[in-house]
Protein backbone atom coordinates (compact mmCIF):
# COMPACT_ATOMS: atom_id res chain seq x y z
CA UNK A 1 -2.83 138.32 0.03
CA UNK A 2 0.96 137.96 0.12
CA UNK A 3 2.78 138.21 3.33
CA UNK A 4 4.58 141.44 3.92
CA UNK A 5 7.80 139.67 5.05
CA UNK A 6 9.18 136.28 6.03
CA UNK A 7 6.79 134.44 8.29
CA UNK A 8 6.72 130.99 9.68
CA UNK A 9 4.59 127.91 9.40
CA UNK A 10 4.44 124.79 11.51
CA UNK A 11 8.12 124.06 10.65
CA UNK A 12 9.37 126.84 12.90
CA UNK A 13 10.82 130.38 12.67
CA UNK A 14 12.52 131.60 9.58
CA UNK A 15 10.49 129.50 7.07
CA UNK A 16 8.91 131.79 4.44
CA UNK A 17 5.19 131.47 3.85
CA UNK A 18 3.66 131.56 0.40
CA UNK A 19 1.03 134.12 -0.63
CA UNK A 20 -1.93 133.77 1.65
CA UNK A 21 -0.51 130.83 3.50
CA UNK A 22 -1.64 130.38 7.15
CA UNK A 23 0.56 129.00 9.93
CA UNK A 24 -0.83 125.47 10.50
CA UNK A 25 0.21 125.44 14.19
CA UNK A 26 -2.16 128.25 14.99
CA UNK A 27 -5.06 125.88 14.47
CA UNK A 28 -6.02 123.93 17.58
CA UNK A 29 -8.79 122.60 19.80
CA UNK A 30 -9.36 124.12 23.20
CA UNK A 31 -11.37 123.40 26.29
CA UNK A 32 -13.28 126.34 27.67
CA UNK A 33 -13.97 127.51 31.19
CA UNK A 34 -17.33 125.78 31.35
CA UNK A 35 -15.87 122.41 30.30
CA UNK A 36 -17.16 122.78 26.65
CA UNK A 37 -14.87 123.07 23.72
CA UNK A 38 -14.26 125.09 20.60
CA UNK A 39 -11.91 125.03 17.59
CA UNK A 40 -9.50 127.98 17.14
CA UNK A 41 -7.91 128.74 13.75
CA UNK A 42 -6.79 131.65 11.56
CA UNK A 43 -9.52 133.43 9.59
CA UNK A 44 -9.76 132.59 5.91
CA UNK A 45 -11.11 134.44 2.84
CA UNK A 46 -13.74 131.73 2.56
CA UNK A 47 -15.14 132.86 5.96
CA UNK A 48 -16.81 135.96 4.47
CA UNK A 49 -20.37 134.51 4.66
CA UNK A 50 -19.80 133.02 8.05
CA UNK A 51 -18.41 136.36 9.34
CA UNK A 52 -21.40 138.19 7.95
CA UNK A 53 -23.71 135.75 9.69
CA UNK A 54 -21.71 136.03 12.87
CA UNK A 55 -22.03 139.87 12.82
CA UNK A 56 -25.77 139.66 12.20
CA UNK A 57 -25.99 137.44 15.28
CA UNK A 58 -24.47 140.05 17.54
CA UNK A 59 -26.82 142.13 19.76
CA UNK A 60 -26.78 145.85 18.98
CA UNK A 61 -24.95 146.35 22.30
CA UNK A 62 -22.14 143.89 21.51
CA UNK A 63 -21.72 145.50 18.08
CA UNK A 64 -21.52 148.91 19.58
CA UNK A 65 -18.90 147.77 22.14
CA UNK A 66 -16.81 146.38 19.27
CA UNK A 67 -17.24 149.25 16.75
CA UNK A 68 -17.91 152.13 19.18
CA UNK A 69 -21.10 152.95 17.44
CA UNK A 70 -24.20 151.63 15.67
CA UNK A 71 -23.06 148.87 13.36
CA UNK A 72 -25.97 146.60 12.11
CA UNK A 73 -24.08 145.10 9.13
CA UNK A 74 -20.61 144.84 7.59
CA UNK A 75 -20.05 146.18 4.12
CA UNK A 76 -18.59 143.98 1.33
CA UNK A 77 -15.40 145.99 1.60
CA UNK A 78 -15.18 145.35 5.36
CA UNK A 79 -15.85 141.64 4.90
CA UNK A 80 -13.00 141.39 2.35
CA UNK A 81 -10.62 143.26 4.60
CA UNK A 82 -11.56 141.36 7.75
CA UNK A 83 -11.14 137.98 6.09
CA UNK A 84 -8.06 138.67 4.03
CA UNK A 85 -5.07 138.97 6.31
CA UNK A 86 -1.33 138.43 5.82
CA UNK A 87 -0.76 136.44 9.07
CA UNK A 88 2.06 138.86 9.92
CA UNK A 89 1.10 142.54 10.19
CA UNK A 90 -2.54 141.57 10.33
CA UNK A 91 -3.73 138.45 12.11
CA UNK A 92 -7.23 137.28 12.97
CA UNK A 93 -8.22 134.16 14.90
CA UNK A 94 -11.76 132.74 14.99
CA UNK A 95 -13.35 130.32 17.37
CA UNK A 96 -15.91 128.07 15.81
CA UNK A 97 -18.46 125.55 16.95
CA UNK A 98 -19.29 123.20 14.14
CA UNK A 99 -19.77 125.36 11.05
CA UNK A 100 -20.54 128.62 12.99
CA UNK A 101 -18.17 131.34 14.06
CA UNK A 102 -18.71 132.25 17.74
CA UNK A 103 -15.88 134.68 18.31
CA UNK A 104 -13.22 136.70 16.50
CA UNK A 105 -9.93 138.20 17.81
CA UNK A 106 -7.57 140.22 15.66
CA UNK A 107 -4.48 142.38 15.80
CA UNK A 108 -3.21 145.06 13.47
CA UNK A 109 0.46 146.04 13.68
CA UNK A 110 1.03 149.75 14.26
CA UNK A 111 2.60 151.19 11.05
CA UNK A 112 4.94 153.53 12.92
CA UNK A 113 5.81 151.23 15.79
CA UNK A 114 6.25 147.63 14.53
CA UNK A 115 6.51 146.19 18.05
CA UNK A 116 3.01 147.36 18.87
CA UNK A 117 -0.31 146.13 17.66
CA UNK A 118 -3.93 147.18 18.21
CA UNK A 119 -6.20 144.31 19.24
CA UNK A 120 -10.01 143.80 19.19
CA UNK A 121 -12.24 140.96 20.32
CA UNK A 122 -15.89 140.11 19.92
CA UNK A 123 -17.84 137.10 21.08
CA UNK A 124 -21.38 136.08 20.27
CA UNK A 125 -23.72 137.11 23.14
CA UNK A 126 -24.94 133.59 23.80
CA UNK A 127 -21.35 132.33 24.06
CA UNK A 128 -20.08 135.01 26.36
CA UNK A 129 -18.93 133.99 29.88
CA UNK A 130 -17.45 130.78 28.72
CA UNK A 131 -13.80 132.01 28.69
CA UNK A 132 -13.52 132.28 24.87
CA UNK A 133 -12.04 135.83 24.93
CA UNK A 134 -9.36 134.75 27.44
CA UNK A 135 -8.42 131.78 25.20
CA UNK A 136 -8.21 133.92 22.11
CA UNK A 137 -6.11 136.49 23.86
CA UNK A 138 -3.61 133.87 24.83
CA UNK A 139 -3.44 132.39 21.33
CA UNK A 140 -3.28 135.89 19.68
CA UNK A 141 -0.47 136.91 21.98
CA UNK A 142 1.47 133.75 21.10
CA UNK A 143 1.05 134.43 17.42
CA UNK A 144 2.10 138.11 17.88
CA UNK A 145 5.24 137.12 19.70
CA UNK A 146 6.20 134.92 16.81
CA UNK A 147 5.92 138.04 14.60
CA UNK A 148 8.09 140.20 16.81
CA UNK A 149 5.24 142.08 18.56
CA UNK A 150 5.76 142.82 22.20
CA UNK A 151 2.86 145.07 23.15
CA UNK A 152 -0.84 145.02 22.63
CA UNK A 153 -2.97 148.14 22.75
CA UNK A 154 -6.71 147.85 23.25
CA UNK A 155 -9.25 150.67 23.24
CA UNK A 156 -12.64 149.88 24.76
CA UNK A 157 -15.63 151.64 26.22
CA UNK A 158 -15.47 152.15 29.98
CA UNK A 159 -18.70 150.28 30.39
CA UNK A 160 -17.20 147.17 28.75
CA UNK A 161 -16.20 145.67 32.09
CA UNK A 162 -16.17 142.02 30.87
CA UNK A 163 -13.49 142.82 28.33
CA UNK A 164 -11.49 144.88 30.86
CA UNK A 165 -11.68 141.90 33.23
CA UNK A 166 -10.27 139.60 30.52
CA UNK A 167 -7.28 141.91 30.13
CA UNK A 168 -6.63 142.07 33.90
CA UNK A 169 -6.94 138.31 34.33
CA UNK A 170 -4.41 137.63 31.53
CA UNK A 171 -1.55 138.36 33.91
CA UNK A 172 0.39 140.51 31.49
CA UNK A 173 2.20 143.70 32.60
CA UNK A 174 -0.44 146.33 31.79
CA UNK A 175 -1.02 150.08 31.93
CA UNK A 176 -4.53 151.52 31.80
CA UNK A 177 -5.54 155.07 30.77
CA UNK A 178 -8.99 156.46 31.08
CA UNK A 179 -10.39 159.53 29.30
CA UNK A 180 -13.67 160.83 28.22
CA UNK A 181 -13.73 158.57 25.12
CA UNK A 182 -13.07 155.32 26.92
CA UNK A 183 -10.30 153.20 28.19
CA UNK A 184 -6.92 152.38 26.65
CA UNK A 185 -5.16 149.23 27.90
CA UNK A 186 -1.50 148.58 27.08
CA UNK A 187 -0.18 145.01 27.66
CA UNK A 188 3.38 143.85 27.49
CA UNK A 189 2.62 140.34 26.07
CA UNK A 190 5.86 138.61 27.13
CA UNK A 191 4.93 135.72 29.54
CA UNK A 192 5.22 136.52 33.21
CA UNK A 193 4.92 134.32 36.24
CA UNK A 194 1.45 135.69 36.74
CA UNK A 195 0.34 135.15 33.15
CA UNK A 196 1.70 131.64 33.03
CA UNK A 197 -0.13 130.81 36.33
CA UNK A 198 -3.35 132.36 34.95
CA UNK A 199 -3.15 130.12 31.88
CA UNK A 200 -2.36 126.97 33.98
CA UNK A 201 -5.30 127.78 36.31
CA UNK A 202 -7.73 128.32 33.42
CA UNK A 203 -6.63 125.02 31.74
CA UNK A 204 -6.82 123.04 34.97
CA UNK A 205 -10.35 124.29 35.70
CA UNK A 206 -11.51 123.76 32.16
CA UNK A 207 -10.23 120.21 32.06
CA UNK A 208 -11.79 119.36 35.40
CA UNK A 209 -15.24 120.68 34.23
CA UNK A 210 -14.94 118.87 30.92
CA UNK A 211 -14.39 115.62 32.77
CA UNK A 212 -17.25 116.42 35.04
CA UNK A 213 -19.52 116.78 32.00
CA UNK A 214 -18.29 113.45 30.70
CA UNK A 215 -18.71 111.63 33.98
CA UNK A 216 -21.79 113.45 35.33
CA UNK A 217 -23.83 114.70 32.41
CA UNK A 218 -27.24 116.29 32.91
CA UNK A 219 -28.51 115.01 29.52
CA UNK A 220 -27.42 112.30 27.05
CA UNK A 221 -28.16 111.81 23.43
CA UNK A 222 -27.75 108.12 22.15
CA UNK A 223 -27.08 108.41 18.44
CA UNK A 224 -27.91 105.05 16.88
CA UNK A 225 -30.40 103.98 19.57
CA UNK A 226 -32.15 100.99 18.10
CA UNK A 227 -35.21 98.86 18.82
CA UNK A 228 -33.15 95.79 18.07
CA UNK A 229 -32.03 94.47 21.53
CA UNK A 230 -28.88 93.01 20.07
CA UNK A 231 -27.36 96.32 19.04
CA UNK A 232 -24.87 98.35 21.14
CA UNK A 233 -27.10 101.42 20.62
CA UNK A 234 -30.13 99.71 22.24
CA UNK A 235 -27.90 98.35 25.04
CA UNK A 236 -26.43 101.84 25.71
CA UNK A 237 -29.93 103.36 25.87
CA UNK A 238 -31.33 100.52 28.08
CA UNK A 239 -28.37 100.71 30.48
CA UNK A 240 -28.96 104.45 30.92
CA UNK A 241 -32.68 103.99 31.58
CA UNK A 242 -32.14 101.04 33.92
CA UNK A 243 -29.12 102.41 35.74
CA UNK A 244 -30.76 105.17 37.63
CA UNK A 245 -29.58 108.14 35.43
CA UNK A 246 -31.91 110.98 36.46
CA UNK A 247 -31.06 113.29 33.58
CA UNK A 248 -32.76 113.71 30.12
CA UNK A 249 -32.13 110.87 27.68
CA UNK A 250 -32.70 111.46 23.93
CA UNK A 251 -32.65 108.44 21.57
CA UNK A 252 -31.62 109.44 18.02
CA UNK A 253 -33.02 107.25 15.29
CA UNK A 254 -34.36 108.53 12.03
CA UNK A 255 -36.52 105.41 11.52
CA UNK A 256 -38.38 105.22 14.85
CA UNK A 257 -40.75 107.48 16.75
CA UNK A 258 -39.92 105.74 20.05
CA UNK A 259 -37.16 103.50 21.29
CA UNK A 260 -37.60 101.66 24.57
CA UNK A 261 -40.77 103.72 25.14
CA UNK A 262 -38.81 107.00 24.96
CA UNK A 263 -39.46 109.68 22.25
CA UNK A 264 -36.77 109.40 19.49
CA UNK A 265 -35.53 112.18 17.32
CA UNK A 266 -34.40 111.91 13.64
CA UNK A 267 -31.10 113.69 14.15
CA UNK A 268 -29.26 115.20 17.11
CA UNK A 269 -30.09 118.68 15.64
CA UNK A 270 -33.83 118.01 16.34
CA UNK A 271 -33.31 117.48 20.14
CA UNK A 272 -34.82 120.30 22.24
CA UNK A 273 -32.70 121.73 24.96
CA UNK A 274 -29.08 121.21 25.81
CA UNK A 275 -27.10 118.01 25.36
CA UNK A 276 -24.19 117.45 27.69
CA UNK A 277 -22.95 114.15 26.30
CA UNK A 278 -23.49 112.35 23.05
CA UNK A 279 -22.95 108.57 22.77
CA UNK A 280 -22.32 107.64 19.08
CA UNK A 281 -23.16 103.98 18.59
CA UNK A 282 -23.27 103.45 14.82
CA UNK A 283 -20.96 101.83 12.24
CA UNK A 284 -17.86 103.70 11.08
CA UNK A 285 -19.23 105.17 7.76
CA UNK A 286 -22.32 106.44 9.54
CA UNK A 287 -20.42 107.61 12.69
CA UNK A 288 -18.41 110.08 10.62
CA UNK A 289 -21.60 111.72 9.35
CA UNK A 290 -23.25 111.51 12.84
CA UNK A 291 -20.23 113.18 14.36
CA UNK A 292 -20.33 115.99 11.82
CA UNK A 293 -23.96 116.65 12.77
CA UNK A 294 -23.30 116.27 16.50
CA UNK A 295 -20.54 118.78 16.55
CA UNK A 296 -23.04 121.43 15.43
CA UNK A 297 -25.30 120.55 18.43
CA UNK A 298 -23.05 119.37 21.25
CA UNK A 299 -20.24 121.50 22.79
CA UNK A 300 -19.29 118.87 25.39
CA UNK A 301 -17.81 115.40 25.38
CA UNK A 302 -18.80 112.64 23.03
CA UNK A 303 -18.41 108.92 23.52
CA UNK A 304 -17.92 106.94 20.26
CA UNK A 305 -18.53 103.21 20.55
CA UNK A 306 -18.90 100.33 18.07
CA UNK A 307 -19.11 96.59 18.78
CA UNK A 308 -16.06 94.61 17.71
CA UNK A 309 -17.12 91.59 15.58
CA UNK A 310 -15.47 88.27 16.55
CA UNK A 311 -15.65 87.29 12.87
CA UNK A 312 -13.73 90.32 11.62
CA UNK A 313 -10.41 91.86 12.22
CA UNK A 314 -10.44 95.37 13.88
CA UNK A 315 -10.88 98.20 11.34
CA UNK A 316 -7.82 99.84 9.92
CA UNK A 317 -6.56 102.99 11.73
CA UNK A 318 -7.71 105.10 8.82
CA UNK A 319 -11.27 103.87 9.27
CA UNK A 320 -11.15 104.34 13.09
CA UNK A 321 -9.98 107.88 12.49
CA UNK A 322 -13.14 108.65 10.44
CA UNK A 323 -14.92 108.58 13.92
CA UNK A 324 -12.09 110.18 15.84
CA UNK A 325 -11.38 113.13 13.52
CA UNK A 326 -14.67 114.93 13.90
CA UNK A 327 -14.62 114.42 17.64
CA UNK A 328 -11.06 115.92 17.87
CA UNK A 329 -12.15 118.86 15.83
CA UNK A 330 -13.98 120.09 18.87
CA UNK A 331 -11.73 118.68 21.56
CA UNK A 332 -14.26 116.00 22.59
CA UNK A 333 -13.50 112.75 24.33
CA UNK A 334 -14.06 109.59 22.32
CA UNK A 335 -13.69 105.87 22.76
CA UNK A 336 -13.73 102.99 20.32
CA UNK A 337 -13.94 99.42 21.76
CA UNK A 338 -12.29 97.94 18.65
CA UNK A 339 -9.32 100.26 18.92
CA UNK A 340 -8.64 99.19 22.46
CA UNK A 341 -9.13 95.52 21.73
CA UNK A 342 -12.16 95.11 24.04
């Protein structure tokens, strides 16, 4: 869909966008309030199937709060409209974890008041309470300011206290009206000292918790755990077991039922329960595939490691990035001994 007027891309204000083009700088990785991470980007027409699956994953109560009534499915027409936006008068941002959408935020500019826009948010039930709505509100407000919008208007049910709490915590100048049909919240989205302080506090807390999960995980998956004592995967697993780690340890090896007398799993997706930290100890071509699978399972830090061979030069940066890129896609920590010269 063509943009309704001149919009901008990553080059800055005043640069026209082509038909359907999305601003590249709206895509980013963020750390959440629980120390986990997610990827935020504009919605795309190709997201129709993922959006349908997302909606089907909502509880009836969450769907009712979003649509103010019973809404078990989205029609083909709704899917087309929701995924085709002009990134100017109509904007939608999604949060994704691996290949799943876990939240959607959108605004629609008011046709008779171009400085105003109506906003709506919805987060999967199992992902609620992680600070995703607050992050999406911040990013949606930043996008709206680029488009000349100065005020958000949100209508919600009076019982939807979590969403009302998100609006209050944002720190924007707000005005709230209550009536028999629900609550209307108006927010002036220009940054204030309070809103900037709220963002700084959330980011500081999220980064602290992210580091805590990296340094003090409750469970660790070792991808590439081997029965060969000479491999870095076996050494990583053995050090965890011998070093007094009292959390759960999950070796990942598709060719072994047990590694170091611990039950192994074919892939990280087969591990039961939560995984706080994934150690990826496989060669570069395999680590790229392993990272892609792990990002569907682990929403916390990863540690990528490969042994540097004294007989070979360190891999080229482009090969090292094959491990780093999937990690960065979810804001995860990573390390590569060959990149650091160790």
